[in-house]
Amino acid sequence: SWHFAFYKNEELNDSSNPNRYSFDLIRVDDQQNEEINQVNGR
């Protein structure tokens, strides 16, 4: 079985919003980081 994927960003396209189901980098206080341009292979 094979999986190949590309993800432009987290699911909401709003990394300041923690109202979500799965855990992602969140921009809050001095931590202003977010996930972008991710590739996956399995």
All heavy atoms as atom14 arrays in JSON, in Angstrom:
{
  "sequence": "SWHFAFYKNEELNDSSNPNRYSFDLIRVDDQQNEEINQVNGR",
  "atom14_mask": [
    [1, 1, 1, 1, 1, 1, 0, 0, 0, 0, 0, 0, 0, 0],
    [1, 1, 1, 1, 1, 1, 1, 1, 1, 1, 1, 1, 1, 1],
    [1, 1, 1, 1, 1, 1, 1, 1, 1, 1, 0, 0, 0, 0],
    [1, 1, 1, 1, 1, 1, 1, 1, 1, 1, 1, 0, 0, 0],
    [1, 1, 1, 1, 1, 0, 0, 0, 0, 0, 0, 0, 0, 0],
    [1, 1, 1, 1, 1, 1, 1, 1, 1, 1, 1, 0, 0, 0],
    [1, 1, 1, 1, 1, 1, 1, 1, 1, 1, 1, 1, 0, 0],
    [1, 1, 1, 1, 1, 1, 1, 1, 1, 0, 0, 0, 0, 0],
    [1, 1, 1, 1, 1, 1, 1, 1, 0, 0, 0, 0, 0, 0],
    [1, 1, 1, 1, 1, 1, 1, 1, 1, 0, 0, 0, 0, 0],
    [1, 1, 1, 1, 1, 1, 1, 1, 1, 0, 0, 0, 0, 0],
    [1, 1, 1, 1, 1, 1, 1, 1, 0, 0, 0, 0, 0, 0],
    [1, 1, 1, 1, 1, 1, 1, 1, 0, 0, 0, 0, 0, 0],
    [1, 1, 1, 1, 1, 1, 1, 1, 0, 0, 0, 0, 0, 0],
    [1, 1, 1, 1, 1, 1, 0, 0, 0, 0, 0, 0, 0, 0],
    [1, 1, 1, 1, 1, 1, 0, 0, 0, 0, 0, 0, 0, 0],
    [1, 1, 1, 1, 1, 1, 1, 1, 0, 0, 0, 0, 0, 0],
    [1, 1, 1, 1, 1, 1, 1, 0, 0, 0, 0, 0, 0, 0],
    [1, 1, 1, 1, 1, 1, 1, 1, 0, 0, 0, 0, 0, 0],
    [1, 1, 1, 1, 1, 1, 1, 1, 1, 1, 1, 0, 0, 0],
    [1, 1, 1, 1, 1, 1, 1, 1, 1, 1, 1, 1, 0, 0],
    [1, 1, 1, 1, 1, 1, 0, 0, 0, 0, 0, 0, 0, 0],
    [1, 1, 1, 1, 1, 1, 1, 1, 1, 1, 1, 0, 0, 0],
    [1, 1, 1, 1, 1, 1, 1, 1, 0, 0, 0, 0, 0, 0],
    [1, 1, 1, 1, 1, 1, 1, 1, 0, 0, 0, 0, 0, 0],
    [1, 1, 1, 1, 1, 1, 1, 1, 0, 0, 0, 0, 0, 0],
    [1, 1, 1, 1, 1, 1, 1, 1, 1, 1, 1, 0, 0, 0],
    [1, 1, 1, 1, 1, 1, 1, 0, 0, 0, 0, 0, 0, 0],
    [1, 1, 1, 1, 1, 1, 1, 1, 0, 0, 0, 0, 0, 0],
    [1, 1, 1, 1, 1, 1, 1, 1, 0, 0, 0, 0, 0, 0],
    [1, 1, 1, 1, 1, 1, 1, 1, 1, 0, 0, 0, 0, 0],
    [1, 1, 1, 1, 1, 1, 1, 1, 1, 0, 0, 0, 0, 0],
    [1, 1, 1, 1, 1, 1, 1, 1, 0, 0, 0, 0, 0, 0],
    [1, 1, 1, 1, 1, 1, 1, 1, 1, 0, 0, 0, 0, 0],
    [1, 1, 1, 1, 1, 1, 1, 1, 1, 0, 0, 0, 0, 0],
    [1, 1, 1, 1, 1, 1, 1, 1, 0, 0, 0, 0, 0, 0],
    [1, 1, 1, 1, 1, 1, 1, 1, 0, 0, 0, 0, 0, 0],
    [1, 1, 1, 1, 1, 1, 1, 1, 1, 0, 0, 0, 0, 0],
    [1, 1, 1, 1, 1, 1, 1, 0, 0, 0, 0, 0, 0, 0],
    [1, 1, 1, 1, 1, 1, 1, 1, 0, 0, 0, 0, 0, 0],
    [1, 1, 1, 1, 0, 0, 0, 0, 0, 0, 0, 0, 0, 0],
    [1, 1, 1, 1, 1, 1, 1, 1, 1, 1, 1, 0, 0, 0]
  ],
  "atom14_positions": [
    [[0.86, -1.19, 0.0], [0.0, 0.0, 0.0], [0.89, 1.24, 0.0], [1.96, 1.25, 0.63], [-0.93, 0.02, 1.21], [-0.21, 0.12, 2.43], [0.0, 0.0, 0.0], [0.0, 0.0, 0.0], [0.0, 0.0, 0.0], [0.0, 0.0, 0.0], [0.0, 0.0, 0.0], [0.0, 0.0, 0.0], [0.0, 0.0, 0.0], [0.0, 0.0, 0.0]],
    [[0.43, 2.26, -0.73], [1.22, 3.46, -0.93], [0.37, 4.7, -0.7], [-0.79, 4.74, -1.08], [1.78, 3.51, -2.36], [2.5, 2.28, -2.8], [1.95, 1.18, -3.42], [3.9, 2.01, -2.68], [2.9, 0.25, -3.68], [4.13, 0.73, -3.24], [4.98, 2.72, -2.16], [5.38, 0.14, -3.28], [6.23, 2.14, -2.2], [6.43, 0.87, -2.76]],
    [[0.97, 5.72, -0.08], [0.33, 7.03, 0.08], [1.35, 8.12, -0.25], [2.49, 8.06, 0.22], [-0.16, 7.25, 1.52], [-1.24, 6.33, 1.97], [-1.01, 5.04, 2.38], [-2.59, 6.52, 2.07], [-2.14, 4.47, 2.72], [-3.12, 5.35, 2.55], [0.0, 0.0, 0.0], [0.0, 0.0, 0.0], [0.0, 0.0, 0.0], [0.0, 0.0, 0.0]],
    [[0.91, 9.09, -1.04], [1.72, 10.27, -1.33], [0.81, 11.49, -1.21], [-0.31, 11.49, -1.73], [2.31, 10.21, -2.74], [3.13, 8.97, -3.0], [2.58, 7.88, -3.66], [4.45, 8.9, -2.58], [3.31, 6.74, -3.89], [5.21, 7.75, -2.8], [4.64, 6.67, -3.46], [0.0, 0.0, 0.0], [0.0, 0.0, 0.0], [0.0, 0.0, 0.0]],
    [[1.3, 12.53, -0.52], [0.42, 13.67, -0.27], [1.21, 14.97, -0.2], [2.41, 14.98, 0.14], [-0.36, 13.46, 1.03], [0.0, 0.0, 0.0], [0.0, 0.0, 0.0], [0.0, 0.0, 0.0], [0.0, 0.0, 0.0], [0.0, 0.0, 0.0], [0.0, 0.0, 0.0], [0.0, 0.0, 0.0], [0.0, 0.0, 0.0], [0.0, 0.0, 0.0]],
    [[0.5, 16.06, -0.49], [1.03, 17.41, -0.3], [-0.04, 18.24, 0.41], [-1.21, 18.25, -0.01], [1.38, 18.08, -1.64], [1.71, 19.54, -1.5], [2.94, 19.94, -0.99], [0.78, 20.52, -1.83], [3.25, 21.29, -0.84], [1.08, 21.87, -1.69], [2.32, 22.26, -1.19], [0.0, 0.0, 0.0], [0.0, 0.0, 0.0], [0.0, 0.0, 0.0]],
    [[0.37, 18.93, 1.48], [-0.56, 19.75, 2.26], [-0.07, 21.2, 2.24], [1.06, 21.48, 2.68], [-0.67, 19.24, 3.69], [-1.25, 17.84, 3.74], [-0.41, 16.74, 3.82], [-2.62, 17.64, 3.67], [-0.94, 15.45, 3.84], [-3.15, 16.36, 3.69], [-2.3, 15.27, 3.76], [-2.82, 14.01, 3.75], [0.0, 0.0, 0.0], [0.0, 0.0, 0.0]],
    [[-0.91, 22.08, 1.75], [-0.54, 23.5, 1.69], [-0.51, 24.13, 3.07], [0.36, 24.94, 3.37], [-1.52, 24.25, 0.78], [-1.18, 25.72, 0.61], [0.23, 25.9, 0.04], [0.62, 27.38, -0.02], [2.04, 27.55, -0.38], [0.0, 0.0, 0.0], [0.0, 0.0, 0.0], [0.0, 0.0, 0.0], [0.0, 0.0, 0.0], [0.0, 0.0, 0.0]],
    [[-1.46, 23.76, 3.93], [-1.52, 24.31, 5.29], [-2.41, 23.43, 6.15], [-2.95, 22.42, 5.69], [-2.03, 25.76, 5.28], [-3.23, 25.97, 4.39], [-3.11, 26.55, 3.31], [-4.39, 25.46, 4.81], [0.0, 0.0, 0.0], [0.0, 0.0, 0.0], [0.0, 0.0, 0.0], [0.0, 0.0, 0.0], [0.0, 0.0, 0.0], [0.0, 0.0, 0.0]],
    [[-2.57, 23.83, 7.42], [-3.47, 23.08, 8.31], [-4.92, 23.22, 7.83], [-5.2, 23.99, 6.92], [-3.31, 23.56, 9.76], [-3.09, 25.05, 9.94], [-4.34, 25.85, 9.68], [-5.41, 25.4, 10.09], [-4.24, 26.91, 9.06], [0.0, 0.0, 0.0], [0.0, 0.0, 0.0], [0.0, 0.0, 0.0], [0.0, 0.0, 0.0], [0.0, 0.0, 0.0]],
    [[-5.84, 22.51, 8.47], [-7.17, 22.3, 7.9], [-8.04, 23.55, 7.81], [-8.92, 23.64, 6.94], [-7.93, 21.2, 8.66], [-8.19, 21.49, 10.13], [-7.14, 20.93, 11.04], [-5.94, 20.93, 10.67], [-7.49, 20.48, 12.14], [0.0, 0.0, 0.0], [0.0, 0.0, 0.0], [0.0, 0.0, 0.0], [0.0, 0.0, 0.0], [0.0, 0.0, 0.0]],
    [[-7.86, 24.54, 8.69], [-8.76, 25.69, 8.74], [-8.23, 26.91, 8.0], [-8.95, 27.89, 7.84], [-9.05, 26.09, 10.19], [-9.68, 25.01, 11.08], [-9.95, 25.58, 12.47], [-10.96, 24.46, 10.48], [0.0, 0.0, 0.0], [0.0, 0.0, 0.0], [0.0, 0.0, 0.0], [0.0, 0.0, 0.0], [0.0, 0.0, 0.0], [0.0, 0.0, 0.0]],
    [[-6.97, 26.86, 7.57], [-6.29, 28.03, 7.0], [-6.4, 29.23, 7.93], [-6.54, 30.37, 7.51], [-6.88, 28.39, 5.62], [-6.0, 29.37, 4.87], [-4.79, 29.43, 5.07], [-6.6, 30.18, 3.99], [0.0, 0.0, 0.0], [0.0, 0.0, 0.0], [0.0, 0.0, 0.0], [0.0, 0.0, 0.0], [0.0, 0.0, 0.0], [0.0, 0.0, 0.0]],
    [[-6.35, 28.96, 9.23], [-6.36, 29.99, 10.27], [-5.59, 29.43, 11.46], [-6.17, 28.81, 12.36], [-7.78, 30.36, 10.65], [-7.82, 31.45, 11.74], [-6.74, 31.96, 12.11], [-8.93, 31.77, 12.22], [0.0, 0.0, 0.0], [0.0, 0.0, 0.0], [0.0, 0.0, 0.0], [0.0, 0.0, 0.0], [0.0, 0.0, 0.0], [0.0, 0.0, 0.0]],
    [[-4.29, 29.61, 11.47], [-3.46, 29.0, 12.5], [-3.58, 29.69, 13.85], [-2.94, 29.27, 14.82], [-2.0, 29.0, 12.06], [-1.57, 30.32, 11.81], [0.0, 0.0, 0.0], [0.0, 0.0, 0.0], [0.0, 0.0, 0.0], [0.0, 0.0, 0.0], [0.0, 0.0, 0.0], [0.0, 0.0, 0.0], [0.0, 0.0, 0.0], [0.0, 0.0, 0.0]],
    [[-4.4, 30.75, 13.94], [-4.63, 31.39, 15.24], [-5.86, 30.81, 15.93], [-6.16, 31.19, 17.07], [-4.82, 32.9, 15.06], [-6.0, 33.18, 14.33], [0.0, 0.0, 0.0], [0.0, 0.0, 0.0], [0.0, 0.0, 0.0], [0.0, 0.0, 0.0], [0.0, 0.0, 0.0], [0.0, 0.0, 0.0], [0.0, 0.0, 0.0], [0.0, 0.0, 0.0]],
    [[-6.58, 29.89, 15.27], [-7.84, 29.37, 15.79], [-7.64, 27.95, 16.33], [-7.44, 27.01, 15.56], [-8.88, 29.37, 14.67], [-10.24, 28.89, 15.16], [-10.45, 28.65, 16.35], [-11.17, 28.75, 14.23], [0.0, 0.0, 0.0], [0.0, 0.0, 0.0], [0.0, 0.0, 0.0], [0.0, 0.0, 0.0], [0.0, 0.0, 0.0], [0.0, 0.0, 0.0]],
    [[-7.73, 27.76, 17.67], [-7.57, 26.42, 18.23], [-8.87, 25.61, 18.25], [-8.87, 24.49, 18.78], [-7.1, 26.7, 19.66], [-7.79, 27.98, 20.01], [-7.84, 28.79, 18.73], [0.0, 0.0, 0.0], [0.0, 0.0, 0.0], [0.0, 0.0, 0.0], [0.0, 0.0, 0.0], [0.0, 0.0, 0.0], [0.0, 0.0, 0.0], [0.0, 0.0, 0.0]],
    [[-9.94, 26.14, 17.69], [-11.21, 25.4, 17.65], [-11.17, 24.4, 16.5], [-11.76, 24.61, 15.44], [-12.38, 26.36, 17.47], [-12.6, 27.24, 18.67], [-12.01, 27.02, 19.73], [-13.43, 28.25, 18.53], [0.0, 0.0, 0.0], [0.0, 0.0, 0.0], [0.0, 0.0, 0.0], [0.0, 0.0, 0.0], [0.0, 0.0, 0.0], [0.0, 0.0, 0.0]],
    [[-10.48, 23.32, 16.74], [-10.27, 22.32, 15.71], [-10.18, 20.94, 16.34], [-10.0, 20.81, 17.56], [-8.99, 22.63, 14.92], [-7.74, 22.6, 15.77], [-6.49, 23.03, 14.98], [-6.59, 24.43, 14.59], [-6.2, 24.88, 13.41], [-5.7, 24.05, 12.52], [-6.3, 26.17, 13.12], [0.0, 0.0, 0.0], [0.0, 0.0, 0.0], [0.0, 0.0, 0.0]],
    [[-10.25, 19.9, 15.48], [-10.21, 18.52, 15.98], [-8.79, 18.0, 16.13], [-8.46, 17.35, 17.12], [-11.0, 17.6, 15.05], [-10.74, 16.14, 15.3], [-11.34, 15.47, 16.37], [-9.86, 15.42, 14.49], [-11.07, 14.13, 16.62], [-9.59, 14.08, 14.73], [-10.21, 13.44, 15.79], [-9.94, 12.11, 16.04], [0.0, 0.0, 0.0], [0.0, 0.0, 0.0]],
    [[-7.94, 18.23, 15.13], [-6.59, 17.67, 15.18], [-5.59, 18.75, 15.56], [-5.78, 19.94, 15.28], [-6.22, 17.02, 13.84], [-6.38, 17.92, 12.77], [0.0, 0.0, 0.0], [0.0, 0.0, 0.0], [0.0, 0.0, 0.0], [0.0, 0.0, 0.0], [0.0, 0.0, 0.0], [0.0, 0.0, 0.0], [0.0, 0.0, 0.0], [0.0, 0.0, 0.0]],
    [[-4.51, 18.32, 16.21], [-3.53, 19.25, 16.77], [-2.56, 19.74, 15.7], [-1.98, 18.95, 14.95], [-2.77, 18.6, 17.92], [-3.58, 18.47, 19.17], [-4.4, 17.36, 19.39], [-3.56, 19.47, 20.13], [-5.16, 17.25, 20.54], [-4.32, 19.37, 21.29], [-5.13, 18.25, 21.49], [0.0, 0.0, 0.0], [0.0, 0.0, 0.0], [0.0, 0.0, 0.0]],
    [[-2.37, 21.08, 15.65], [-1.45, 21.73, 14.73], [-0.71, 22.83, 15.47], [-1.1, 23.23, 16.58], [-2.22, 22.36, 13.56], [-3.0, 21.34, 12.75], [-2.36, 20.51, 12.07], [-4.25, 21.38, 12.8], [0.0, 0.0, 0.0], [0.0, 0.0, 0.0], [0.0, 0.0, 0.0], [0.0, 0.0, 0.0], [0.0, 0.0, 0.0], [0.0, 0.0, 0.0]],
    [[0.35, 23.35, 14.86], [1.0, 24.54, 15.4], [0.0, 25.69, 15.41], [-0.72, 25.92, 14.44], [2.21, 24.93, 14.56], [3.41, 23.98, 14.54], [4.55, 24.58, 13.73], [3.88, 23.65, 15.96], [0.0, 0.0, 0.0], [0.0, 0.0, 0.0], [0.0, 0.0, 0.0], [0.0, 0.0, 0.0], [0.0, 0.0, 0.0], [0.0, 0.0, 0.0]],
    [[-0.05, 26.41, 16.54], [-1.0, 27.51, 16.72], [-0.23, 28.79, 17.02], [0.73, 28.81, 17.81], [-1.97, 27.2, 17.88], [-2.85, 26.0, 17.52], [-2.84, 28.4, 18.2], [-3.82, 26.23, 16.38], [0.0, 0.0, 0.0], [0.0, 0.0, 0.0], [0.0, 0.0, 0.0], [0.0, 0.0, 0.0], [0.0, 0.0, 0.0], [0.0, 0.0, 0.0]],
    [[-0.66, 29.89, 16.39], [-0.05, 31.2, 16.64], [-0.72, 31.83, 17.86], [-1.9, 32.17, 17.84], [-0.22, 32.1, 15.42], [0.62, 31.64, 14.23], [0.67, 32.69, 13.13], [-0.62, 32.85, 12.47], [-1.37, 33.93, 12.57], [-1.0, 34.95, 13.33], [-2.52, 34.0, 11.93], [0.0, 0.0, 0.0], [0.0, 0.0, 0.0], [0.0, 0.0, 0.0]],
    [[0.04, 31.95, 18.94], [-0.47, 32.57, 20.16], [0.71, 33.19, 20.92], [1.8, 32.62, 20.97], [-1.2, 31.52, 21.04], [-0.28, 30.37, 21.43], [-1.8, 32.16, 22.28], [0.0, 0.0, 0.0], [0.0, 0.0, 0.0], [0.0, 0.0, 0.0], [0.0, 0.0, 0.0], [0.0, 0.0, 0.0], [0.0, 0.0, 0.0], [0.0, 0.0, 0.0]],
    [[0.5, 34.39, 21.48], [1.52, 35.11, 22.24], [2.8, 35.25, 21.39], [2.73, 35.66, 20.24], [1.79, 34.4, 23.57], [0.54, 34.35, 24.44], [-0.27, 35.29, 24.34], [0.38, 33.38, 25.2], [0.0, 0.0, 0.0], [0.0, 0.0, 0.0], [0.0, 0.0, 0.0], [0.0, 0.0, 0.0], [0.0, 0.0, 0.0], [0.0, 0.0, 0.0]],
    [[3.96, 34.88, 21.95], [5.2, 35.05, 21.19], [5.49, 33.86, 20.27], [6.47, 33.88, 19.51], [6.39, 35.28, 22.12], [6.59, 34.14, 23.1], [5.8, 33.18, 23.09], [7.57, 34.21, 23.89], [0.0, 0.0, 0.0], [0.0, 0.0, 0.0], [0.0, 0.0, 0.0], [0.0, 0.0, 0.0], [0.0, 0.0, 0.0], [0.0, 0.0, 0.0]],
    [[4.67, 32.82, 20.34], [4.8, 31.68, 19.42], [3.92, 31.94, 18.2], [2.69, 31.77, 18.24], [4.39, 30.38, 20.12], [5.37, 29.88, 21.15], [6.56, 29.17, 20.5], [6.56, 28.85, 19.31], [7.61, 28.92, 21.3], [0.0, 0.0, 0.0], [0.0, 0.0, 0.0], [0.0, 0.0, 0.0], [0.0, 0.0, 0.0], [0.0, 0.0, 0.0]],
    [[4.53, 32.37, 17.1], [3.79, 32.77, 15.91], [4.12, 31.88, 14.72], [4.32, 32.35, 13.6], [4.09, 34.24, 15.6], [3.53, 35.22, 16.6], [2.01, 35.22, 16.58], [1.39, 35.36, 15.52], [1.4, 35.09, 17.74], [0.0, 0.0, 0.0], [0.0, 0.0, 0.0], [0.0, 0.0, 0.0], [0.0, 0.0, 0.0], [0.0, 0.0, 0.0]],
    [[4.15, 30.57, 14.97], [4.52, 29.62, 13.93], [3.31, 28.86, 13.4], [2.35, 28.59, 14.13], [5.54, 28.62, 14.48], [6.84, 29.28, 14.9], [7.48, 29.95, 14.1], [7.21, 29.13, 16.17], [0.0, 0.0, 0.0], [0.0, 0.0, 0.0], [0.0, 0.0, 0.0], [0.0, 0.0, 0.0], [0.0, 0.0, 0.0], [0.0, 0.0, 0.0]],
    [[3.39, 28.48, 12.11], [2.35, 27.67, 11.49], [2.96, 26.74, 10.46], [4.03, 27.0, 9.91], [1.27, 28.54, 10.85], [1.77, 29.48, 9.78], [0.65, 30.35, 9.24], [-0.19, 29.83, 8.48], [0.63, 31.55, 9.58], [0.0, 0.0, 0.0], [0.0, 0.0, 0.0], [0.0, 0.0, 0.0], [0.0, 0.0, 0.0], [0.0, 0.0, 0.0]],
    [[2.25, 25.62, 10.2], [2.72, 24.6, 9.27], [2.29, 24.94, 7.85], [1.13, 25.23, 7.6], [2.15, 23.23, 9.66], [2.44, 22.83, 11.09], [1.53, 21.7, 11.55], [1.03, 20.93, 10.7], [1.3, 21.59, 12.77], [0.0, 0.0, 0.0], [0.0, 0.0, 0.0], [0.0, 0.0, 0.0], [0.0, 0.0, 0.0], [0.0, 0.0, 0.0]],
    [[3.24, 24.84, 6.89], [2.92, 25.09, 5.48], [3.73, 24.13, 4.61], [4.74, 23.57, 5.06], [3.22, 26.54, 5.05], [4.7, 26.88, 5.27], [2.34, 27.53, 5.8], [5.13, 28.2, 4.67], [0.0, 0.0, 0.0], [0.0, 0.0, 0.0], [0.0, 0.0, 0.0], [0.0, 0.0, 0.0], [0.0, 0.0, 0.0], [0.0, 0.0, 0.0]],
    [[3.25, 23.92, 3.38], [4.0, 23.23, 2.32], [4.61, 21.91, 2.8], [5.83, 21.7, 2.74], [5.1, 24.14, 1.76], [4.53, 25.45, 1.24], [3.4, 25.5, 0.76], [5.32, 26.52, 1.35], [0.0, 0.0, 0.0], [0.0, 0.0, 0.0], [0.0, 0.0, 0.0], [0.0, 0.0, 0.0], [0.0, 0.0, 0.0], [0.0, 0.0, 0.0]],
    [[3.74, 21.01, 3.24], [4.18, 19.73, 3.81], [3.98, 18.59, 2.81], [2.95, 18.52, 2.14], [3.37, 19.46, 5.08], [3.64, 18.11, 5.73], [2.82, 17.95, 6.99], [2.9, 18.77, 7.91], [2.0, 16.9, 7.05], [0.0, 0.0, 0.0], [0.0, 0.0, 0.0], [0.0, 0.0, 0.0], [0.0, 0.0, 0.0], [0.0, 0.0, 0.0]],
    [[4.97, 17.71, 2.71], [4.86, 16.51, 1.87], [4.91, 15.28, 2.77], [5.6, 15.27, 3.8], [5.97, 16.45, 0.81], [5.8, 17.56, -0.21], [7.35, 16.52, 1.45], [0.0, 0.0, 0.0], [0.0, 0.0, 0.0], [0.0, 0.0, 0.0], [0.0, 0.0, 0.0], [0.0, 0.0, 0.0], [0.0, 0.0, 0.0], [0.0, 0.0, 0.0]],
    [[4.15, 14.26, 2.38], [4.09, 13.0, 3.12], [4.22, 11.82, 2.18], [3.7, 11.85, 1.05], [2.77, 12.87, 3.88], [2.74, 13.65, 5.16], [2.51, 14.86, 5.15], [2.97, 12.98, 6.28], [0.0, 0.0, 0.0], [0.0, 0.0, 0.0], [0.0, 0.0, 0.0], [0.0, 0.0, 0.0], [0.0, 0.0, 0.0], [0.0, 0.0, 0.0]],
    [[4.91, 10.79, 2.66], [4.98, 9.53, 1.94], [4.87, 8.38, 2.92], [5.45, 8.44, 4.01], [0.0, 0.0, 0.0], [0.0, 0.0, 0.0], [0.0, 0.0, 0.0], [0.0, 0.0, 0.0], [0.0, 0.0, 0.0], [0.0, 0.0, 0.0], [0.0, 0.0, 0.0], [0.0, 0.0, 0.0], [0.0, 0.0, 0.0], [0.0, 0.0, 0.0]],
    [[4.12, 7.36, 2.55], [3.96, 6.18, 3.41], [3.93, 4.94, 2.54], [3.21, 4.9, 1.52], [2.68, 6.27, 4.23], [2.45, 5.1, 5.2], [1.1, 5.24, 5.9], [0.88, 4.23, 6.92], [0.33, 3.03, 6.7], [-0.04, 2.68, 5.47], [0.14, 2.17, 7.69], [0.0, 0.0, 0.0], [0.0, 0.0, 0.0], [0.0, 0.0, 0.0]]
  ]
}
